[in-house]
């Protein structure tokens, strides 16, 4: 289901049919370095991860990570959306764009649309974000979105320290 449309992108709910792309994305070296190795090695495991993750979260909360597609040709480019993690007090924004699409503004376009969706239709009071302290591109993107650094901390269940960011909407 289409959730957000921008000038160049469609953000839609993720489905089990997206498993081959998801498998490729979560095994990209940049994903493993900055997000972590999910241990997903087969299309069946990717399908199960989609059902247990974004699909279940969407059914429970009405939002989740979305598949980012290029409008011009429908190419799957990455994921961007909202996640409610037990280790954070509020919903956070997450994103990962396949390296072949880096440097063209797609991550910012998708993330800015998700922030607007969280603030507007969803009416969330704030958003959080986490990133690896050495992920300079992500840190720059979060700043461009207006997010402010809160702290560097070790989140339960994570192997490395994370930078935590926050954006208050002041509309709740």
C-alpha atoms as a PDB file:
ATOM      1  CA  UNK A   1       0.000   0.000   0.000  1.00  0.00           C
ATOM      2  CA  UNK A   2       1.321   3.431  -0.951  1.00  0.00           C
ATOM      3  CA  UNK A   3       1.935   5.535   2.163  1.00  0.00           C
ATOM      4  CA  UNK A   4       3.939   8.553   0.957  1.00  0.00           C
ATOM      5  CA  UNK A   5       4.614  10.018  -2.465  1.00  0.00           C
ATOM      6  CA  UNK A   6       7.346  12.558  -3.188  1.00  0.00           C
ATOM      7  CA  UNK A   7       8.566  14.136  -6.385  1.00  0.00           C
ATOM      8  CA  UNK A   8      10.789  11.154  -7.216  1.00  0.00           C
ATOM      9  CA  UNK A   9       9.783   8.425  -4.781  1.00  0.00           C
ATOM     10  CA  UNK A  10       7.029   6.148  -3.568  1.00  0.00           C
ATOM     11  CA  UNK A  11       7.210   4.846   0.000  1.00  0.00           C
ATOM     12  CA  UNK A  12       4.973   1.848   0.463  1.00  0.00           C
ATOM     13  CA  UNK A  13       4.397  -0.910   2.965  1.00  0.00           C
ATOM     14  CA  UNK A  14       6.860  -3.773   2.753  1.00  0.00           C
ATOM     15  CA  UNK A  15       5.521  -7.160   1.696  1.00  0.00           C
ATOM     16  CA  UNK A  16       6.919 -10.696   1.717  1.00  0.00           C
ATOM     17  CA  UNK A  17       7.338 -10.326  -2.068  1.00  0.00           C
ATOM     18  CA  UNK A  18      10.123  -7.804  -1.311  1.00  0.00           C
ATOM     19  CA  UNK A  19      12.236 -10.543   0.294  1.00  0.00           C
ATOM     20  CA  UNK A  20      14.854 -10.810  -2.511  1.00  0.00           C
ATOM     21  CA  UNK A  21      15.571  -7.060  -2.335  1.00  0.00           C
ATOM     22  CA  UNK A  22      15.535  -7.071   1.473  1.00  0.00           C
ATOM     23  CA  UNK A  23      17.990  -9.971   1.499  1.00  0.00           C
ATOM     24  CA  UNK A  24      20.343  -7.992  -0.754  1.00  0.00           C
ATOM     25  CA  UNK A  25      19.989  -4.807   1.323  1.00  0.00           C
ATOM     26  CA  UNK A  26      20.603  -6.366   4.762  1.00  0.00           C
ATOM     27  CA  UNK A  27      23.692  -8.156   3.477  1.00  0.00           C
ATOM     28  CA  UNK A  28      25.275  -5.087   1.889  1.00  0.00           C
ATOM     29  CA  UNK A  29      28.588  -4.276   3.634  1.00  0.00           C
ATOM     30  CA  UNK A  30      27.372  -0.763   4.531  1.00  0.00           C
ATOM     31  CA  UNK A  31      24.256  -2.184   6.235  1.00  0.00           C
ATOM     32  CA  UNK A  32      26.349  -4.695   8.171  1.00  0.00           C
ATOM     33  CA  UNK A  33      28.866  -2.011   9.186  1.00  0.00           C
ATOM     34  CA  UNK A  34      26.424   0.671  10.300  1.00  0.00           C
ATOM     35  CA  UNK A  35      23.233  -1.216  11.219  1.00  0.00           C
ATOM     36  CA  UNK A  36      24.438  -4.710  12.017  1.00  0.00           C
ATOM     37  CA  UNK A  37      24.448  -8.238  10.711  1.00  0.00           C
ATOM     38  CA  UNK A  38      20.931  -9.614  11.008  1.00  0.00           C
ATOM     39  CA  UNK A  39      22.046 -13.140  10.077  1.00  0.00           C
ATOM     40  CA  UNK A  40      19.549 -13.225   7.207  1.00  0.00           C
ATOM     41  CA  UNK A  41      21.058 -15.421   4.485  1.00  0.00           C
ATOM     42  CA  UNK A  42      18.118 -16.804   2.491  1.00  0.00           C
ATOM     43  CA  UNK A  43      15.016 -15.430   0.790  1.00  0.00           C
ATOM     44  CA  UNK A  44      12.884 -17.438   3.226  1.00  0.00           C
ATOM     45  CA  UNK A  45      14.674 -15.846   6.198  1.00  0.00           C
ATOM     46  CA  UNK A  46      14.192 -12.405   4.604  1.00  0.00           C
ATOM     47  CA  UNK A  47      10.488 -13.124   4.108  1.00  0.00           C
ATOM     48  CA  UNK A  48      10.157 -14.157   7.776  1.00  0.00           C
ATOM     49  CA  UNK A  49      12.034 -11.024   8.920  1.00  0.00           C
ATOM     50  CA  UNK A  50       9.674  -8.831   6.882  1.00  0.00           C
ATOM     51  CA  UNK A  51       6.607 -10.519   8.372  1.00  0.00           C
ATOM     52  CA  UNK A  52       7.951 -10.375  11.946  1.00  0.00           C
ATOM     53  CA  UNK A  53       9.298  -6.820  11.576  1.00  0.00           C
ATOM     54  CA  UNK A  54       7.727  -4.193   9.306  1.00  0.00           C
ATOM     55  CA  UNK A  55       4.494  -6.075   8.561  1.00  0.00           C
ATOM     56  CA  UNK A  56       3.780  -6.864  12.225  1.00  0.00           C
ATOM     57  CA  UNK A  57       4.707  -3.332  13.319  1.00  0.00           C
ATOM     58  CA  UNK A  58       2.448  -1.768  10.698  1.00  0.00           C
ATOM     59  CA  UNK A  59      -0.455  -3.962  11.819  1.00  0.00           C
ATOM     60  CA  UNK A  60       0.202  -3.077  15.476  1.00  0.00           C
ATOM     61  CA  UNK A  61       0.990   0.672  15.225  1.00  0.00           C
ATOM     62  CA  UNK A  62      -0.141   1.875  11.790  1.00  0.00           C
ATOM     63  CA  UNK A  63       3.434   2.711  10.752  1.00  0.00           C
ATOM     64  CA  UNK A  64       6.709   0.897  10.140  1.00  0.00           C
ATOM     65  CA  UNK A  65       9.647   0.877   7.775  1.00  0.00           C
ATOM     66  CA  UNK A  66       8.551   1.410   4.183  1.00  0.00           C
ATOM     67  CA  UNK A  67      10.055   0.265   0.910  1.00  0.00           C
ATOM     68  CA  UNK A  68      11.502   3.191  -1.049  1.00  0.00           C
ATOM     69  CA  UNK A  69      10.853   2.923  -4.787  1.00  0.00           C
ATOM     70  CA  UNK A  70      11.823   5.249  -7.607  1.00  0.00           C
ATOM     71  CA  UNK A  71       8.639   6.577  -9.202  1.00  0.00           C
ATOM     72  CA  UNK A  72      10.052   6.620 -12.726  1.00  0.00           C
ATOM     73  CA  UNK A  73      10.635   2.869 -12.959  1.00  0.00           C
ATOM     74  CA  UNK A  74       9.546   1.270  -9.678  1.00  0.00           C
ATOM     75  CA  UNK A  75      13.097   0.265  -8.765  1.00  0.00           C
ATOM     76  CA  UNK A  76      13.457  -0.771  -5.120  1.00  0.00           C
ATOM     77  CA  UNK A  77      16.077   1.558  -3.645  1.00  0.00           C
ATOM     78  CA  UNK A  78      15.994   1.017   0.100  1.00  0.00           C
ATOM     79  CA  UNK A  79      13.945   1.319   3.260  1.00  0.00           C
ATOM     80  CA  UNK A  80      12.842   4.365   5.216  1.00  0.00           C
ATOM     81  CA  UNK A  81      10.224   4.734   7.872  1.00  0.00           C
ATOM     82  CA  UNK A  82       9.335   4.657  11.529  1.00  0.00           C
ATOM     83  CA  UNK A  83      10.251   2.110  14.171  1.00  0.00           C
ATOM     84  CA  UNK A  84       9.147   1.752  17.781  1.00  0.00           C
ATOM     85  CA  UNK A  85      12.004   0.085  19.645  1.00  0.00           C
ATOM     86  CA  UNK A  86      11.879  -1.040  23.252  1.00  0.00           C
ATOM     87  CA  UNK A  87      15.254   0.628  23.906  1.00  0.00           C
ATOM     88  CA  UNK A  88      14.003   4.147  23.059  1.00  0.00           C
ATOM     89  CA  UNK A  89      11.228   6.141  24.747  1.00  0.00           C
ATOM     90  CA  UNK A  90       9.779   7.375  21.439  1.00  0.00           C
ATOM     91  CA  UNK A  91       9.417   6.293  17.820  1.00  0.00           C
ATOM     92  CA  UNK A  92      12.546   6.672  15.712  1.00  0.00           C
ATOM     93  CA  UNK A  93      13.241   7.164  12.043  1.00  0.00           C
ATOM     94  CA  UNK A  94      15.269   4.557  10.222  1.00  0.00           C
ATOM     95  CA  UNK A  95      16.619   4.446   6.707  1.00  0.00           C
ATOM     96  CA  UNK A  96      18.965   2.514   4.461  1.00  0.00           C
ATOM     97  CA  UNK A  97      19.447   3.203   0.774  1.00  0.00           C
ATOM     98  CA  UNK A  98      21.295   0.778  -1.481  1.00  0.00           C
ATOM     99  CA  UNK A  99      24.791   2.161  -2.218  1.00  0.00           C
ATOM    100  CA  UNK A 100      24.079   2.222  -5.949  1.00  0.00           C
ATOM    101  CA  UNK A 101      21.657   5.110  -5.245  1.00  0.00           C
ATOM    102  CA  UNK A 102      23.864   7.099  -2.868  1.00  0.00           C
ATOM    103  CA  UNK A 103      24.762  10.713  -3.594  1.00  0.00           C
ATOM    104  CA  UNK A 104      21.527  11.594  -5.397  1.00  0.00           C
ATOM    105  CA  UNK A 105      19.482  12.963  -2.505  1.00  0.00           C
ATOM    106  CA  UNK A 106      17.130   9.993  -2.254  1.00  0.00           C
ATOM    107  CA  UNK A 107      17.804   9.300   1.443  1.00  0.00           C
ATOM    108  CA  UNK A 108      17.048  12.902   2.381  1.00  0.00           C
ATOM    109  CA  UNK A 109      13.950  13.043   0.172  1.00  0.00           C
ATOM    110  CA  UNK A 110      12.559   9.856   1.716  1.00  0.00           C
ATOM    111  CA  UNK A 111      13.511  10.787   5.285  1.00  0.00           C
ATOM    112  CA  UNK A 112      12.101  14.322   5.036  1.00  0.00           C
ATOM    113  CA  UNK A 113       8.812  12.863   3.774  1.00  0.00           C
ATOM    114  CA  UNK A 114       8.729  10.392   6.676  1.00  0.00           C
ATOM    115  CA  UNK A 115       9.370  13.222   9.173  1.00  0.00           C
ATOM    116  CA  UNK A 116       6.489  15.213   7.645  1.00  0.00           C
ATOM    117  CA  UNK A 117       4.260  12.119   7.801  1.00  0.00           C
ATOM    118  CA  UNK A 118       5.146  11.554  11.474  1.00  0.00           C
ATOM    119  CA  UNK A 119       4.476  15.179  12.333  1.00  0.00           C
ATOM    120  CA  UNK A 120       1.324  15.572  10.217  1.00  0.00           C
ATOM    121  CA  UNK A 121      -0.949  12.584   9.587  1.00  0.00           C
ATOM    122  CA  UNK A 122       0.434  10.469  12.439  1.00  0.00           C
ATOM    123  CA  UNK A 123       0.572  13.348  14.927  1.00  0.00           C
ATOM    124  CA  UNK A 124       3.601  12.067  16.788  1.00  0.00           C
ATOM    125  CA  UNK A 125       4.956  14.537  19.385  1.00  0.00           C
ATOM    126  CA  UNK A 126       8.595  13.842  18.510  1.00  0.00           C
ATOM    127  CA  UNK A 127      10.944  11.562  16.637  1.00  0.00           C
ATOM    128  CA  UNK A 128      14.181  10.000  17.697  1.00  0.00           C
ATOM    129  CA  UNK A 129      17.023   8.542  15.665  1.00  0.00           C
ATOM    130  CA  UNK A 130      20.057   6.422  16.360  1.00  0.00           C
ATOM    131  CA  UNK A 131      23.183   6.050  14.339  1.00  0.00           C
ATOM    132  CA  UNK A 132      26.665   4.706  14.610  1.00  0.00           C
ATOM    133  CA  UNK A 133      29.050   7.445  15.860  1.00  0.00           C
ATOM    134  CA  UNK A 134      31.238   6.924  12.765  1.00  0.00           C
ATOM    135  CA  UNK A 135      28.417   7.063  10.205  1.00  0.00           C
ATOM    136  CA  UNK A 136      29.169  10.578   8.984  1.00  0.00           C
ATOM    137  CA  UNK A 137      26.614  10.507   6.153  1.00  0.00           C
ATOM    138  CA  UNK A 138      23.802   9.533   8.516  1.00  0.00           C
ATOM    139  CA  UNK A 139      24.852  12.124  11.106  1.00  0.00           C
ATOM    140  CA  UNK A 140      24.811  14.808   8.394  1.00  0.00           C
ATOM    141  CA  UNK A 141      21.377  13.676   7.176  1.00  0.00           C
ATOM    142  CA  UNK A 142      19.923  13.758  10.698  1.00  0.00           C
ATOM    143  CA  UNK A 143      21.205  17.313  11.118  1.00  0.00           C
ATOM    144  CA  UNK A 144      19.667  18.334   7.806  1.00  0.00           C
ATOM    145  CA  UNK A 145      16.344  16.919   9.060  1.00  0.00           C
ATOM    146  CA  UNK A 146      16.584  19.203  12.099  1.00  0.00           C
ATOM    147  CA  UNK A 147      17.354  16.463  14.592  1.00  0.00           C
ATOM    148  CA  UNK A 148      19.491  17.388  17.600  1.00  0.00           C
ATOM    149  CA  UNK A 149      22.144  15.227  19.228  1.00  0.00           C
ATOM    150  CA  UNK A 150      21.031  14.003  22.671  1.00  0.00           C
ATOM    151  CA  UNK A 151      23.750  11.601  23.802  1.00  0.00           C
ATOM    152  CA  UNK A 152      26.147   8.847  22.924  1.00  0.00           C
ATOM    153  CA  UNK A 153      25.098   5.720  24.774  1.00  0.00           C
ATOM    154  CA  UNK A 154      25.130   1.959  24.770  1.00  0.00           C
ATOM    155  CA  UNK A 155      21.633   0.718  23.985  1.00  0.00           C
ATOM    156  CA  UNK A 156      20.601  -2.631  25.419  1.00  0.00           C
ATOM    157  CA  UNK A 157      21.068  -5.406  22.868  1.00  0.00           C
ATOM    158  CA  UNK A 158      23.422  -3.412  20.640  1.00  0.00           C
ATOM    159  CA  UNK A 159      27.085  -4.286  20.201  1.00  0.00           C
ATOM    160  CA  UNK A 160      28.420  -0.757  19.789  1.00  0.00           C
ATOM    161  CA  UNK A 161      27.676   2.676  21.232  1.00  0.00           C
ATOM    162  CA  UNK A 162      25.073   4.732  19.372  1.00  0.00           C
ATOM    163  CA  UNK A 163      24.447   8.425  18.904  1.00  0.00           C
ATOM    164  CA  UNK A 164      20.881   9.306  19.887  1.00  0.00           C
ATOM    165  CA  UNK A 165      19.038  12.227  18.255  1.00  0.00           C
ATOM    166  CA  UNK A 166      15.675  13.849  18.851  1.00  0.00           C
ATOM    167  CA  UNK A 167      13.293  16.173  17.047  1.00  0.00           C
ATOM    168  CA  UNK A 168      10.354  17.703  18.963  1.00  0.00           C
ATOM    169  CA  UNK A 169       7.425  18.759  16.805  1.00  0.00           C
ATOM    170  CA  UNK A 170       5.686  21.068  19.344  1.00  0.00           C
ATOM    171  CA  UNK A 171       2.318  20.234  17.831  1.00  0.00           C
ATOM    172  CA  UNK A 172       1.115  17.561  20.212  1.00  0.00           C
END
